[in-house]
Amino acid sequence: SDVATKGRSIKKAAQIISKFGGTVDTSIVAYDRMNGSKENLGLLGIELVSLRNANDLLASNKLTKEKIGRTDFQLPYQFSMTRIS
C-alpha cells in the first residue's frame, strides 16, 4: 500500500489472502498518517512498517498539525515503487 490511515484496506487485503490459505504478518507503506493504522493492524497481528510518517514530516516542518489526518494534501515526497516478480 502507499498510504495508511486507519488500516482498513490492508485489513481487507489480509482477509482475502487468509481466505486462500495465506497469512499476512507485515505490511509496508510509503507513508503512515498515524491515524490508528499501526494500532488497528497490530490487533490483527500485522506489523505496519512505513518509510515515512506524520511525525517525520512534522519534525522537518513539511507538515503542520492542522494537516495531520487530512487526506486532501500531497505528500512532499515522490516515491518510486518497483515490482518484483
PDB file of N, CA and C in Angstrom:
ATOM      1  N   SER A   1       0.842  -1.183   0.000  1.00  0.00           N
ATOM      2  CA  SER A   1       0.000   0.000   0.000  1.00  0.00           C
ATOM      3  C   SER A   1       0.888   1.247   0.000  1.00  0.00           C
ATOM      4  N   ASP A   2       0.363   2.356  -0.460  1.00  0.00           N
ATOM      5  CA  ASP A   2       1.167   3.573  -0.483  1.00  0.00           C
ATOM      6  C   ASP A   2       0.997   4.397   0.783  1.00  0.00           C
ATOM      7  N   VAL A   3      -0.239   4.547   1.261  1.00  0.00           N
ATOM      8  CA  VAL A   3      -0.529   5.362   2.439  1.00  0.00           C
ATOM      9  C   VAL A   3      -1.433   4.575   3.371  1.00  0.00           C
ATOM     10  N   ALA A   4      -1.149   4.667   4.671  1.00  0.00           N
ATOM     11  CA  ALA A   4      -2.018   4.031   5.673  1.00  0.00           C
ATOM     12  C   ALA A   4      -2.661   5.120   6.519  1.00  0.00           C
ATOM     13  N   THR A   5      -3.970   5.041   6.668  1.00  0.00           N
ATOM     14  CA  THR A   5      -4.686   5.983   7.523  1.00  0.00           C
ATOM     15  C   THR A   5      -5.220   5.231   8.745  1.00  0.00           C
ATOM     16  N   LYS A   6      -6.177   4.365   8.532  1.00  0.00           N
ATOM     17  CA  LYS A   6      -6.717   3.545   9.619  1.00  0.00           C
ATOM     18  C   LYS A   6      -6.424   2.060   9.429  1.00  0.00           C
ATOM     19  N   GLY A   7      -5.900   1.693   8.257  1.00  0.00           N
ATOM     20  CA  GLY A   7      -5.528   0.307   8.002  1.00  0.00           C
ATOM     21  C   GLY A   7      -6.624  -0.549   7.403  1.00  0.00           C
ATOM     22  N   ARG A   8      -7.737   0.054   7.008  1.00  0.00           N
ATOM     23  CA  ARG A   8      -8.872  -0.733   6.504  1.00  0.00           C
ATOM     24  C   ARG A   8      -8.551  -1.484   5.212  1.00  0.00           C
ATOM     25  N   SER A   9      -7.878  -0.842   4.274  1.00  0.00           N
ATOM     26  CA  SER A   9      -7.562  -1.513   3.005  1.00  0.00           C
ATOM     27  C   SER A   9      -6.598  -2.675   3.210  1.00  0.00           C
ATOM     28  N   ILE A  10      -5.644  -2.473   4.099  1.00  0.00           N
ATOM     29  CA  ILE A  10      -4.691  -3.545   4.404  1.00  0.00           C
ATOM     30  C   ILE A  10      -5.420  -4.700   5.084  1.00  0.00           C
ATOM     31  N   LYS A  11      -6.341  -4.370   5.975  1.00  0.00           N
ATOM     32  CA  LYS A  11      -7.133  -5.402   6.661  1.00  0.00           C
ATOM     33  C   LYS A  11      -7.943  -6.213   5.642  1.00  0.00           C
ATOM     34  N   LYS A  12      -8.587  -5.526   4.687  1.00  0.00           N
ATOM     35  CA  LYS A  12      -9.375  -6.222   3.663  1.00  0.00           C
ATOM     36  C   LYS A  12      -8.494  -7.146   2.827  1.00  0.00           C
ATOM     37  N   ALA A  13      -7.333  -6.650   2.438  1.00  0.00           N
ATOM     38  CA  ALA A  13      -6.409  -7.468   1.644  1.00  0.00           C
ATOM     39  C   ALA A  13      -5.957  -8.690   2.439  1.00  0.00           C
ATOM     40  N   ALA A  14      -5.664  -8.511   3.716  1.00  0.00           N
ATOM     41  CA  ALA A  14      -5.236  -9.622   4.573  1.00  0.00           C
ATOM     42  C   ALA A  14      -6.346 -10.658   4.711  1.00  0.00           C
ATOM     43  N   GLN A  15      -7.598 -10.204   4.781  1.00  0.00           N
ATOM     44  CA  GLN A  15      -8.726 -11.133   4.878  1.00  0.00           C
ATOM     45  C   GLN A  15      -8.857 -11.968   3.600  1.00  0.00           C
ATOM     46  N   ILE A  16      -8.663 -11.340   2.457  1.00  0.00           N
ATOM     47  CA  ILE A  16      -8.735 -12.069   1.184  1.00  0.00           C
ATOM     48  C   ILE A  16      -7.610 -13.086   1.096  1.00  0.00           C
ATOM     49  N   ILE A  17      -6.416 -12.669   1.465  1.00  0.00           N
ATOM     50  CA  ILE A  17      -5.268 -13.588   1.447  1.00  0.00           C
ATOM     51  C   ILE A  17      -5.520 -14.765   2.381  1.00  0.00           C
ATOM     52  N   SER A  18      -6.110 -14.484   3.533  1.00  0.00           N
ATOM     53  CA  SER A  18      -6.425 -15.525   4.507  1.00  0.00           C
ATOM     54  C   SER A  18      -7.432 -16.543   3.951  1.00  0.00           C
ATOM     55  N   LYS A  19      -8.413 -16.054   3.189  1.00  0.00           N
ATOM     56  CA  LYS A  19      -9.413 -16.952   2.585  1.00  0.00           C
ATOM     57  C   LYS A  19      -8.772 -17.978   1.651  1.00  0.00           C
ATOM     58  N   PHE A  20      -7.651 -17.611   1.078  1.00  0.00           N
ATOM     59  CA  PHE A  20      -6.952 -18.504   0.165  1.00  0.00           C
ATOM     60  C   PHE A  20      -5.807 -19.260   0.846  1.00  0.00           C
ATOM     61  N   GLY A  21      -5.798 -19.219   2.183  1.00  0.00           N
ATOM     62  CA  GLY A  21      -4.833 -20.004   2.934  1.00  0.00           C
ATOM     63  C   GLY A  21      -3.535 -19.294   3.270  1.00  0.00           C
ATOM     64  N   GLY A  22      -3.408 -18.048   2.877  1.00  0.00           N
ATOM     65  CA  GLY A  22      -2.187 -17.305   3.165  1.00  0.00           C
ATOM     66  C   GLY A  22      -2.272 -16.551   4.484  1.00  0.00           C
ATOM     67  N   THR A  23      -1.172 -15.993   4.887  1.00  0.00           N
ATOM     68  CA  THR A  23      -1.147 -15.174   6.099  1.00  0.00           C
ATOM     69  C   THR A  23      -0.381 -13.888   5.814  1.00  0.00           C
ATOM     70  N   VAL A  24      -0.740 -12.848   6.527  1.00  0.00           N
ATOM     71  CA  VAL A  24      -0.060 -11.558   6.428  1.00  0.00           C
ATOM     72  C   VAL A  24       0.415 -11.193   7.823  1.00  0.00           C
ATOM     73  N   ASP A  25       1.718 -10.999   7.975  1.00  0.00           N
ATOM     74  CA  ASP A  25       2.229 -10.588   9.283  1.00  0.00           C
ATOM     75  C   ASP A  25       2.864  -9.200   9.246  1.00  0.00           C
ATOM     76  N   THR A  26       3.104  -8.680   8.026  1.00  0.00           N
ATOM     77  CA  THR A  26       3.735  -7.371   7.877  1.00  0.00           C
ATOM     78  C   THR A  26       3.164  -6.663   6.657  1.00  0.00           C
ATOM     79  N   SER A  27       2.962  -5.367   6.773  1.00  0.00           N
ATOM     80  CA  SER A  27       2.562  -4.544   5.640  1.00  0.00           C
ATOM     81  C   SER A  27       3.514  -3.356   5.568  1.00  0.00           C
ATOM     82  N   ILE A  28       3.979  -3.051   4.371  1.00  0.00           N
ATOM     83  CA  ILE A  28       4.912  -1.940   4.182  1.00  0.00           C
ATOM     84  C   ILE A  28       4.202  -0.841   3.402  1.00  0.00           C
ATOM     85  N   VAL A  29       4.261   0.373   3.929  1.00  0.00           N
ATOM     86  CA  VAL A  29       3.653   1.518   3.255  1.00  0.00           C
ATOM     87  C   VAL A  29       4.684   2.627   3.097  1.00  0.00           C
ATOM     88  N   ALA A  30       4.455   3.494   2.136  1.00  0.00           N
ATOM     89  CA  ALA A  30       5.339   4.639   1.937  1.00  0.00           C
ATOM     90  C   ALA A  30       5.132   5.674   3.043  1.00  0.00           C
ATOM     91  N   TYR A  31       3.869   5.875   3.467  1.00  0.00           N
ATOM     92  CA  TYR A  31       3.561   6.926   4.435  1.00  0.00           C
ATOM     93  C   TYR A  31       2.465   6.481   5.388  1.00  0.00           C
ATOM     94  N   ASP A  32       2.689   6.656   6.667  1.00  0.00           N
ATOM     95  CA  ASP A  32       1.697   6.368   7.707  1.00  0.00           C
ATOM     96  C   ASP A  32       1.175   7.691   8.241  1.00  0.00           C
ATOM     97  N   ARG A  33      -0.109   7.950   8.036  1.00  0.00           N
ATOM     98  CA  ARG A  33      -0.726   9.192   8.517  1.00  0.00           C
ATOM     99  C   ARG A  33      -0.851   9.212  10.045  1.00  0.00           C
ATOM    100  N   MET A  34      -0.623   8.075  10.668  1.00  0.00           N
ATOM    101  CA  MET A  34      -0.680   7.941  12.125  1.00  0.00           C
ATOM    102  C   MET A  34      -2.071   8.254  12.694  1.00  0.00           C
ATOM    103  N   ASN A  35      -3.073   7.698  12.023  1.00  0.00           N
ATOM    104  CA  ASN A  35      -4.458   7.842  12.476  1.00  0.00           C
ATOM    105  C   ASN A  35      -5.007   6.532  13.016  1.00  0.00           C
ATOM    106  N   GLY A  36      -4.126   5.685  13.533  1.00  0.00           N
ATOM    107  CA  GLY A  36      -4.576   4.441  14.137  1.00  0.00           C
ATOM    108  C   GLY A  36      -4.267   3.189  13.340  1.00  0.00           C
ATOM    109  N   SER A  37      -3.684   3.343  12.158  1.00  0.00           N
ATOM    110  CA  SER A  37      -3.427   2.161  11.328  1.00  0.00           C
ATOM    111  C   SER A  37      -2.487   1.173  12.006  1.00  0.00           C
ATOM    112  N   LYS A  38      -1.412   1.659  12.587  1.00  0.00           N
ATOM    113  CA  LYS A  38      -0.441   0.768  13.239  1.00  0.00           C
ATOM    114  C   LYS A  38      -1.102  -0.005  14.374  1.00  0.00           C
ATOM    115  N   GLU A  39      -1.889   0.692  15.174  1.00  0.00           N
ATOM    116  CA  GLU A  39      -2.571   0.044  16.309  1.00  0.00           C
ATOM    117  C   GLU A  39      -3.648  -0.926  15.825  1.00  0.00           C
ATOM    118  N   ASN A  40      -4.467  -0.495  14.853  1.00  0.00           N
ATOM    119  CA  ASN A  40      -5.539  -1.358  14.337  1.00  0.00           C
ATOM    120  C   ASN A  40      -4.987  -2.632  13.717  1.00  0.00           C
ATOM    121  N   LEU A  41      -3.936  -2.508  12.936  1.00  0.00           N
ATOM    122  CA  LEU A  41      -3.342  -3.687  12.314  1.00  0.00           C
ATOM    123  C   LEU A  41      -2.632  -4.558  13.349  1.00  0.00           C
ATOM    124  N   GLY A  42      -2.041  -3.927  14.348  1.00  0.00           N
ATOM    125  CA  GLY A  42      -1.393  -4.678  15.421  1.00  0.00           C
ATOM    126  C   GLY A  42      -2.355  -5.610  16.134  1.00  0.00           C
ATOM    127  N   LEU A  43      -3.605  -5.177  16.282  1.00  0.00           N
ATOM    128  CA  LEU A  43      -4.625  -6.029  16.905  1.00  0.00           C
ATOM    129  C   LEU A  43      -4.897  -7.280  16.079  1.00  0.00           C
ATOM    130  N   LEU A  44      -4.584  -7.215  14.786  1.00  0.00           N
ATOM    131  CA  LEU A  44      -4.765  -8.362  13.894  1.00  0.00           C
ATOM    132  C   LEU A  44      -3.489  -9.172  13.726  1.00  0.00           C
ATOM    133  N   GLY A  45      -2.433  -8.759  14.429  1.00  0.00           N
ATOM    134  CA  GLY A  45      -1.156  -9.453  14.314  1.00  0.00           C
ATOM    135  C   GLY A  45      -0.347  -9.034  13.101  1.00  0.00           C
ATOM    136  N   ILE A  46      -0.690  -7.870  12.534  1.00  0.00           N
ATOM    137  CA  ILE A  46       0.019  -7.365  11.361  1.00  0.00           C
ATOM    138  C   ILE A  46       0.880  -6.177  11.771  1.00  0.00           C
ATOM    139  N   GLU A  47       2.173  -6.282  11.515  1.00  0.00           N
ATOM    140  CA  GLU A  47       3.084  -5.178  11.804  1.00  0.00           C
ATOM    141  C   GLU A  47       3.064  -4.201  10.632  1.00  0.00           C
ATOM    142  N   LEU A  48       2.931  -2.913  10.928  1.00  0.00           N
ATOM    143  CA  LEU A  48       2.968  -1.890   9.892  1.00  0.00           C
ATOM    144  C   LEU A  48       4.348  -1.246   9.886  1.00  0.00           C
ATOM    145  N   VAL A  49       4.993  -1.267   8.725  1.00  0.00           N
ATOM    146  CA  VAL A  49       6.301  -0.650   8.548  1.00  0.00           C
ATOM    147  C   VAL A  49       6.124   0.480   7.545  1.00  0.00           C
ATOM    148  N   SER A  50       6.559   1.685   7.906  1.00  0.00           N
ATOM    149  CA  SER A  50       6.409   2.822   6.993  1.00  0.00           C
ATOM    150  C   SER A  50       7.755   3.467   6.700  1.00  0.00           C
ATOM    151  N   LEU A  51       7.898   3.960   5.459  1.00  0.00           N
ATOM    152  CA  LEU A  51       9.109   4.674   5.088  1.00  0.00           C
ATOM    153  C   LEU A  51       9.134   6.057   5.723  1.00  0.00           C
ATOM    154  N   ARG A  52       7.977   6.675   5.852  1.00  0.00           N
ATOM    155  CA  ARG A  52       7.819   7.984   6.486  1.00  0.00           C
ATOM    156  C   ARG A  52       6.513   7.974   7.264  1.00  0.00           C
ATOM    157  N   ASN A  53       6.416   8.869   8.244  1.00  0.00           N
ATOM    158  CA  ASN A  53       5.154   9.034   8.950  1.00  0.00           C
ATOM    159  C   ASN A  53       4.936  10.509   9.275  1.00  0.00           C
ATOM    160  N   ALA A  54       3.787  10.805   9.850  1.00  0.00           N
ATOM    161  CA  ALA A  54       3.429  12.195  10.131  1.00  0.00           C
ATOM    162  C   ALA A  54       4.447  12.868  11.042  1.00  0.00           C
ATOM    163  N   ASN A  55       4.999  12.138  12.005  1.00  0.00           N
ATOM    164  CA  ASN A  55       5.996  12.744  12.901  1.00  0.00           C
ATOM    165  C   ASN A  55       7.252  13.166  12.143  1.00  0.00           C
ATOM    166  N   ASP A  56       7.666  12.366  11.152  1.00  0.00           N
ATOM    167  CA  ASP A  56       8.823  12.740  10.331  1.00  0.00           C
ATOM    168  C   ASP A  56       8.592  14.080   9.650  1.00  0.00           C
ATOM    169  N   LEU A  57       7.384  14.240   9.082  1.00  0.00           N
ATOM    170  CA  LEU A  57       7.087  15.463   8.350  1.00  0.00           C
ATOM    171  C   LEU A  57       6.896  16.655   9.279  1.00  0.00           C
ATOM    172  N   LEU A  58       6.344  16.415  10.465  1.00  0.00           N
ATOM    173  CA  LEU A  58       6.236  17.498  11.443  1.00  0.00           C
ATOM    174  C   LEU A  58       7.614  17.980  11.869  1.00  0.00           C
ATOM    175  N   ALA A  59       8.506  17.050  12.119  1.00  0.00           N
ATOM    176  CA  ALA A  59       9.857  17.401  12.562  1.00  0.00           C
ATOM    177  C   ALA A  59      10.624  18.171  11.490  1.00  0.00           C
ATOM    178  N   SER A  60      10.323  17.909  10.227  1.00  0.00           N
ATOM    179  CA  SER A  60      11.024  18.587   9.144  1.00  0.00           C
ATOM    180  C   SER A  60      10.293  19.851   8.682  1.00  0.00           C
ATOM    181  N   ASN A  61       9.206  20.206   9.383  1.00  0.00           N
ATOM    182  CA  ASN A  61       8.392  21.388   9.051  1.00  0.00           C
ATOM    183  C   ASN A  61       7.748  21.307   7.669  1.00  0.00           C
ATOM    184  N   LYS A  62       7.531  20.083   7.163  1.00  0.00           N
ATOM    185  CA  LYS A  62       6.876  19.911   5.868  1.00  0.00           C
ATOM    186  C   LYS A  62       5.391  19.612   6.042  1.00  0.00           C
ATOM    187  N   LEU A  63       4.952  19.542   7.280  1.00  0.00           N
ATOM    188  CA  LEU A  63       3.562  19.252   7.580  1.00  0.00           C
ATOM    189  C   LEU A  63       3.191  20.007   8.845  1.00  0.00           C
ATOM    190  N   THR A  64       1.977  20.535   8.878  1.00  0.00           N
ATOM    191  CA  THR A  64       1.508  21.219  10.080  1.00  0.00           C
ATOM    192  C   THR A  64       0.543  20.303  10.828  1.00  0.00           C
ATOM    193  N   LYS A  65       0.370  20.551  12.110  1.00  0.00           N
ATOM    194  CA  LYS A  65      -0.544  19.726  12.910  1.00  0.00           C
ATOM    195  C   LYS A  65      -1.962  19.773  12.360  1.00  0.00           C
ATOM    196  N   GLU A  66      -2.327  20.879  11.718  1.00  0.00           N
ATOM    197  CA  GLU A  66      -3.670  21.001  11.159  1.00  0.00           C
ATOM    198  C   GLU A  66      -3.903  20.027  10.006  1.00  0.00           C
ATOM    199  N   LYS A  67      -2.844  19.643   9.323  1.00  0.00           N
ATOM    200  CA  LYS A  67      -2.986  18.758   8.160  1.00  0.00           C
ATOM    201  C   LYS A  67      -2.843  17.278   8.501  1.00  0.00           C
ATOM    202  N   ILE A  68      -2.413  16.949   9.708  1.00  0.00           N
ATOM    203  CA  ILE A  68      -2.299  15.537  10.073  1.00  0.00           C
ATOM    204  C   ILE A  68      -3.677  14.894  10.004  1.00  0.00           C
ATOM    205  N   GLY A  69      -3.754  13.772   9.343  1.00  0.00           N
ATOM    206  CA  GLY A  69      -5.015  13.048   9.239  1.00  0.00           C
ATOM    207  C   GLY A  69      -5.858  13.458   8.052  1.00  0.00           C
ATOM    208  N   ARG A  70      -5.580  14.611   7.474  1.00  0.00           N
ATOM    209  CA  ARG A  70      -6.324  15.017   6.290  1.00  0.00           C
ATOM    210  C   ARG A  70      -5.832  14.217   5.092  1.00  0.00           C
ATOM    211  N   THR A  71      -6.720  13.954   4.195  1.00  0.00           N
ATOM    212  CA  THR A  71      -6.347  13.165   3.019  1.00  0.00           C
ATOM    213  C   THR A  71      -6.306  14.003   1.754  1.00  0.00           C
ATOM    214  N   ASP A  72      -6.469  15.310   1.886  1.00  0.00           N
ATOM    215  CA  ASP A  72      -6.542  16.160   0.696  1.00  0.00           C
ATOM    216  C   ASP A  72      -5.268  16.965   0.456  1.00  0.00           C
ATOM    217  N   PHE A  73      -4.140  16.497   0.961  1.00  0.00           N
ATOM    218  CA  PHE A  73      -2.894  17.193   0.681  1.00  0.00           C
ATOM    219  C   PHE A  73      -1.905  16.239   0.041  1.00  0.00           C
ATOM    220  N   GLN A  74      -1.009  16.789  -0.744  1.00  0.00           N
ATOM    221  CA  GLN A  74       0.003  15.987  -1.412  1.00  0.00           C
ATOM    222  C   GLN A  74       1.209  15.825  -0.501  1.00  0.00           C
ATOM    223  N   LEU A  75       1.763  14.644  -0.487  1.00  0.00           N
ATOM    224  CA  LEU A  75       2.986  14.418   0.273  1.00  0.00           C
ATOM    225  C   LEU A  75       4.135  15.163  -0.391  1.00  0.00           C
ATOM    226  N   PRO A  76       5.051  15.721   0.391  1.00  0.00           N
ATOM    227  CA  PRO A  76       6.166  16.454  -0.208  1.00  0.00           C
ATOM    228  C   PRO A  76       7.284  15.538  -0.710  1.00  0.00           C
ATOM    229  N   TYR A  77       6.977  14.274  -0.896  1.00  0.00           N
ATOM    230  CA  TYR A  77       7.960  13.312  -1.382  1.00  0.00           C
ATOM    231  C   TYR A  77       7.391  12.590  -2.577  1.00  0.00           C
ATOM    232  N   GLN A  78       8.236  12.131  -3.449  1.00  0.00           N
ATOM    233  CA  GLN A  78       7.830  11.244  -4.521  1.00  0.00           C
ATOM    234  C   GLN A  78       8.478   9.904  -4.238  1.00  0.00           C
ATOM    235  N   PHE A  79       7.697   8.855  -4.359  1.00  0.00           N
ATOM    236  CA  PHE A  79       8.192   7.516  -4.129  1.00  0.00           C
ATOM    237  C   PHE A  79       8.163   6.759  -5.440  1.00  0.00           C
ATOM    238  N   SER A  80       9.164   5.966  -5.654  1.00  0.00           N
ATOM    239  CA  SER A  80       9.209   5.106  -6.822  1.00  0.00           C
ATOM    240  C   SER A  80       9.115   3.672  -6.337  1.00  0.00           C
ATOM    241  N   MET A  81       8.158   2.955  -6.845  1.00  0.00           N
ATOM    242  CA  MET A  81       7.955   1.577  -6.437  1.00  0.00           C
ATOM    243  C   MET A  81       8.373   0.652  -7.594  1.00  0.00           C
ATOM    244  N   THR A  82       9.041  -0.405  -7.284  1.00  0.00           N
ATOM    245  CA  THR A  82       9.464  -1.382  -8.279  1.00  0.00           C
ATOM    246  C   THR A  82       8.764  -2.700  -7.983  1.00  0.00           C
ATOM    247  N   ARG A  83       8.180  -3.276  -8.998  1.00  0.00           N
ATOM    248  CA  ARG A  83       7.525  -4.567  -8.835  1.00  0.00           C
ATOM    249  C   ARG A  83       8.532  -5.666  -9.070  1.00  0.00           C
ATOM    250  N   ILE A  84       8.592  -6.580  -8.132  1.00  0.00           N
ATOM    251  CA  ILE A  84       9.482  -7.727  -8.246  1.00  0.00           C
ATOM    252  C   ILE A  84       8.621  -8.960  -8.453  1.00  0.00           C
ATOM    253  N   SER A  85       8.873  -9.679  -9.522  1.00  0.00           N
ATOM    254  CA  SER A  85       8.043 -10.870  -9.757  1.00  0.00           C
ATOM    255  C   SER A  85       8.929 -12.083  -9.937  1.00  0.00           C
TER     256      SER A  85
END
